[in-house]
Amino acid sequence: MPRNATWFNYDRTMSPPTALPHPDPEEFSLSAVLKALADPERLTIVAQLTQGPQDVGECFRDNPAVPKSTRSHLMKVLREAGIIRNDPTPGGPGRRVTLRQEDLDARFPGLLAAILANAPT
């Protein structure tokens, strides 16, 4: 390698993960929450998140064959309804997903618990 040559810095070419918009609790819509939770795949994700925050990839461990575009859409619907937070992982390229249970319980008391208690396992 020539003396004045430099190595390609791959990290420099990657843009940092961006913060996604999340609705405030007073903006939550009951119809949007119910619509988001009506899908079995999204309901499975929410049930997993009751155990605590997870990386996005962990949310699909039960069905790893789900295409990336479908994963993104499932997460987008849950995030826009206010059910989850999807934030960049500190110091890494990934994303961390958290259930907004306290916000949902404050806005719609008992709704999430009732839906999860009656969800098929």
C-alpha atoms as a PDB file:
ATOM      1  CA  MET A   1       0.000   0.000   0.000  1.00  0.00           C
ATOM      2  CA  PRO A   2       1.425   3.439  -0.901  1.00  0.00           C
ATOM      3  CA  ARG A   3       2.578   5.559   1.967  1.00  0.00           C
ATOM      4  CA  ASN A   4       0.067   8.394   1.430  1.00  0.00           C
ATOM      5  CA  ALA A   5      -2.926   6.088   0.783  1.00  0.00           C
ATOM      6  CA  THR A   6      -5.713   5.997   3.348  1.00  0.00           C
ATOM      7  CA  TRP A   7      -8.166   3.302   4.229  1.00  0.00           C
ATOM      8  CA  PHE A   8     -11.788   3.781   3.311  1.00  0.00           C
ATOM      9  CA  ASN A   9     -13.737   4.836   6.401  1.00  0.00           C
ATOM     10  CA  TYR A  10     -17.044   2.971   6.100  1.00  0.00           C
ATOM     11  CA  ASP A  11     -18.544   4.549   9.246  1.00  0.00           C
ATOM     12  CA  ARG A  12     -18.153   7.987   7.707  1.00  0.00           C
ATOM     13  CA  THR A  13     -20.482   7.005   4.841  1.00  0.00           C
ATOM     14  CA  MET A  14     -23.349   5.966   7.114  1.00  0.00           C
ATOM     15  CA  SER A  15     -25.782   8.599   8.267  1.00  0.00           C
ATOM     16  CA  PRO A  16     -26.672   8.481  11.964  1.00  0.00           C
ATOM     17  CA  PRO A  17     -30.056   6.960  12.839  1.00  0.00           C
ATOM     18  CA  THR A  18     -32.739   9.598  12.805  1.00  0.00           C
ATOM     19  CA  ALA A  19     -35.306  10.296  15.476  1.00  0.00           C
ATOM     20  CA  LEU A  20     -38.796   9.376  14.328  1.00  0.00           C
ATOM     21  CA  PRO A  21     -41.900  11.406  15.199  1.00  0.00           C
ATOM     22  CA  HIS A  22     -44.060  10.062  18.018  1.00  0.00           C
ATOM     23  CA  PRO A  23     -47.500  11.440  18.908  1.00  0.00           C
ATOM     24  CA  ASP A  24     -48.099  13.011  22.286  1.00  0.00           C
ATOM     25  CA  PRO A  25     -50.564  11.064  24.475  1.00  0.00           C
ATOM     26  CA  GLU A  26     -53.294  13.670  23.991  1.00  0.00           C
ATOM     27  CA  GLU A  27     -53.024  13.047  20.232  1.00  0.00           C
ATOM     28  CA  PHE A  28     -53.758   9.308  20.547  1.00  0.00           C
ATOM     29  CA  SER A  29     -56.857   8.249  18.641  1.00  0.00           C
ATOM     30  CA  LEU A  30     -58.883   5.326  19.945  1.00  0.00           C
ATOM     31  CA  SER A  31     -59.690   4.194  16.407  1.00  0.00           C
ATOM     32  CA  ALA A  32     -55.983   4.283  15.386  1.00  0.00           C
ATOM     33  CA  VAL A  33     -54.979   2.282  18.478  1.00  0.00           C
ATOM     34  CA  LEU A  34     -57.699  -0.313  17.907  1.00  0.00           C
ATOM     35  CA  LYS A  35     -56.869  -0.563  14.204  1.00  0.00           C
ATOM     36  CA  ALA A  36     -53.173  -1.055  14.979  1.00  0.00           C
ATOM     37  CA  LEU A  37     -53.914  -3.756  17.550  1.00  0.00           C
ATOM     38  CA  ALA A  38     -56.374  -5.561  15.255  1.00  0.00           C
ATOM     39  CA  ASP A  39     -53.511  -7.049  13.221  1.00  0.00           C
ATOM     40  CA  PRO A  40     -52.214 -10.348  14.711  1.00  0.00           C
ATOM     41  CA  GLU A  41     -48.550  -9.591  13.858  1.00  0.00           C
ATOM     42  CA  ARG A  42     -48.691  -6.169  15.519  1.00  0.00           C
ATOM     43  CA  LEU A  43     -50.515  -7.609  18.531  1.00  0.00           C
ATOM     44  CA  THR A  44     -47.751 -10.223  18.885  1.00  0.00           C
ATOM     45  CA  ILE A  45     -45.135  -7.463  18.888  1.00  0.00           C
ATOM     46  CA  VAL A  46     -47.028  -5.541  21.579  1.00  0.00           C
ATOM     47  CA  ALA A  47     -47.378  -8.685  23.707  1.00  0.00           C
ATOM     48  CA  GLN A  48     -43.600  -9.247  23.461  1.00  0.00           C
ATOM     49  CA  LEU A  49     -42.920  -5.642  24.452  1.00  0.00           C
ATOM     50  CA  THR A  50     -44.838  -6.064  27.716  1.00  0.00           C
ATOM     51  CA  GLN A  51     -41.713  -7.951  28.865  1.00  0.00           C
ATOM     52  CA  GLY A  52     -39.576  -4.844  28.300  1.00  0.00           C
ATOM     53  CA  PRO A  53     -37.799  -2.906  25.532  1.00  0.00           C
ATOM     54  CA  GLN A  54     -36.341  -4.848  22.619  1.00  0.00           C
ATOM     55  CA  ASP A  55     -34.247  -4.274  19.537  1.00  0.00           C
ATOM     56  CA  VAL A  56     -36.339  -4.223  16.364  1.00  0.00           C
ATOM     57  CA  GLY A  57     -34.934  -7.573  15.222  1.00  0.00           C
ATOM     58  CA  GLU A  58     -35.973  -9.258  18.481  1.00  0.00           C
ATOM     59  CA  CYS A  59     -39.592  -8.313  17.828  1.00  0.00           C
ATOM     60  CA  PHE A  60     -39.658 -10.752  14.905  1.00  0.00           C
ATOM     61  CA  ARG A  61     -37.910 -13.728  16.496  1.00  0.00           C
ATOM     62  CA  ASP A  62     -41.109 -15.822  16.276  1.00  0.00           C
ATOM     63  CA  ASN A  63     -41.390 -15.172  12.539  1.00  0.00           C
ATOM     64  CA  PRO A  64     -37.963 -14.305  11.068  1.00  0.00           C
ATOM     65  CA  ALA A  65     -39.246 -14.785   7.501  1.00  0.00           C
ATOM     66  CA  VAL A  66     -41.175 -11.484   7.657  1.00  0.00           C
ATOM     67  CA  PRO A  67     -39.725  -9.229   4.923  1.00  0.00           C
ATOM     68  CA  LYS A  68     -37.945  -6.065   6.060  1.00  0.00           C
ATOM     69  CA  SER A  69     -40.503  -3.857   4.303  1.00  0.00           C
ATOM     70  CA  THR A  70     -43.325  -5.557   6.214  1.00  0.00           C
ATOM     71  CA  ARG A  71     -41.430  -5.189   9.502  1.00  0.00           C
ATOM     72  CA  SER A  72     -40.989  -1.479   8.844  1.00  0.00           C
ATOM     73  CA  HIS A  73     -44.682  -1.042   8.081  1.00  0.00           C
ATOM     74  CA  LEU A  74     -45.788  -2.944  11.187  1.00  0.00           C
ATOM     75  CA  MET A  75     -43.556  -0.766  13.361  1.00  0.00           C
ATOM     76  CA  LYS A  76     -44.672   2.423  11.620  1.00  0.00           C
ATOM     77  CA  VAL A  77     -48.367   1.705  12.269  1.00  0.00           C
ATOM     78  CA  LEU A  78     -47.698   0.956  15.954  1.00  0.00           C
ATOM     79  CA  ARG A  79     -45.519   4.068  16.329  1.00  0.00           C
ATOM     80  CA  GLU A  80     -47.971   6.407  14.589  1.00  0.00           C
ATOM     81  CA  ALA A  81     -50.831   5.105  16.746  1.00  0.00           C
ATOM     82  CA  GLY A  82     -48.751   5.909  19.845  1.00  0.00           C
ATOM     83  CA  ILE A  83     -48.413   2.314  21.011  1.00  0.00           C
ATOM     84  CA  ILE A  84     -44.620   2.097  20.790  1.00  0.00           C
ATOM     85  CA  ARG A  85     -41.531   4.304  20.806  1.00  0.00           C
ATOM     86  CA  ASN A  86     -38.958   3.464  18.149  1.00  0.00           C
ATOM     87  CA  ASP A  87     -35.696   5.237  18.998  1.00  0.00           C
ATOM     88  CA  PRO A  88     -32.111   4.906  17.762  1.00  0.00           C
ATOM     89  CA  THR A  89     -29.942   2.596  19.846  1.00  0.00           C
ATOM     90  CA  PRO A  90     -27.338   4.688  21.675  1.00  0.00           C
ATOM     91  CA  GLY A  91     -23.948   4.188  20.059  1.00  0.00           C
ATOM     92  CA  GLY A  92     -25.148   1.796  17.385  1.00  0.00           C
ATOM     93  CA  PRO A  93     -26.917   1.551  14.067  1.00  0.00           C
ATOM     94  CA  GLY A  94     -29.956  -0.302  15.415  1.00  0.00           C
ATOM     95  CA  ARG A  95     -33.273   0.794  16.863  1.00  0.00           C
ATOM     96  CA  ARG A  96     -34.821   0.112  20.279  1.00  0.00           C
ATOM     97  CA  VAL A  97     -38.572  -0.394  20.628  1.00  0.00           C
ATOM     98  CA  THR A  98     -40.462   0.379  23.833  1.00  0.00           C
ATOM     99  CA  LEU A  99     -44.135  -0.089  24.675  1.00  0.00           C
ATOM    100  CA  ARG A 100     -45.812   3.177  25.713  1.00  0.00           C
ATOM    101  CA  GLN A 101     -48.016   1.411  28.231  1.00  0.00           C
ATOM    102  CA  GLU A 102     -48.135   4.251  30.777  1.00  0.00           C
ATOM    103  CA  ASP A 103     -49.142   6.774  28.100  1.00  0.00           C
ATOM    104  CA  LEU A 104     -51.812   4.417  26.748  1.00  0.00           C
ATOM    105  CA  ASP A 105     -53.160   3.671  30.236  1.00  0.00           C
ATOM    106  CA  ALA A 106     -53.349   7.384  31.014  1.00  0.00           C
ATOM    107  CA  ARG A 107     -55.258   8.103  27.792  1.00  0.00           C
ATOM    108  CA  PHE A 108     -57.394   4.924  27.611  1.00  0.00           C
ATOM    109  CA  PRO A 109     -57.439   3.301  31.089  1.00  0.00           C
ATOM    110  CA  GLY A 110     -57.497  -0.494  30.976  1.00  0.00           C
ATOM    111  CA  LEU A 111     -57.722  -0.752  27.189  1.00  0.00           C
ATOM    112  CA  LEU A 112     -54.344  -2.361  26.526  1.00  0.00           C
ATOM    113  CA  ALA A 113     -54.696  -4.792  29.432  1.00  0.00           C
ATOM    114  CA  ALA A 114     -58.145  -5.862  28.209  1.00  0.00           C
ATOM    115  CA  ILE A 115     -56.956  -6.391  24.646  1.00  0.00           C
ATOM    116  CA  LEU A 116     -53.873  -8.364  25.707  1.00  0.00           C
ATOM    117  CA  ALA A 117     -55.867 -10.475  28.187  1.00  0.00           C
ATOM    118  CA  ASN A 118     -58.231 -11.535  25.397  1.00  0.00           C
ATOM    119  CA  ALA A 119     -55.616 -11.933  22.667  1.00  0.00           C
ATOM    120  CA  PRO A 120     -55.040 -15.402  21.218  1.00  0.00           C
ATOM    121  CA  THR A 121     -51.768 -16.945  22.373  1.00  0.00           C
END
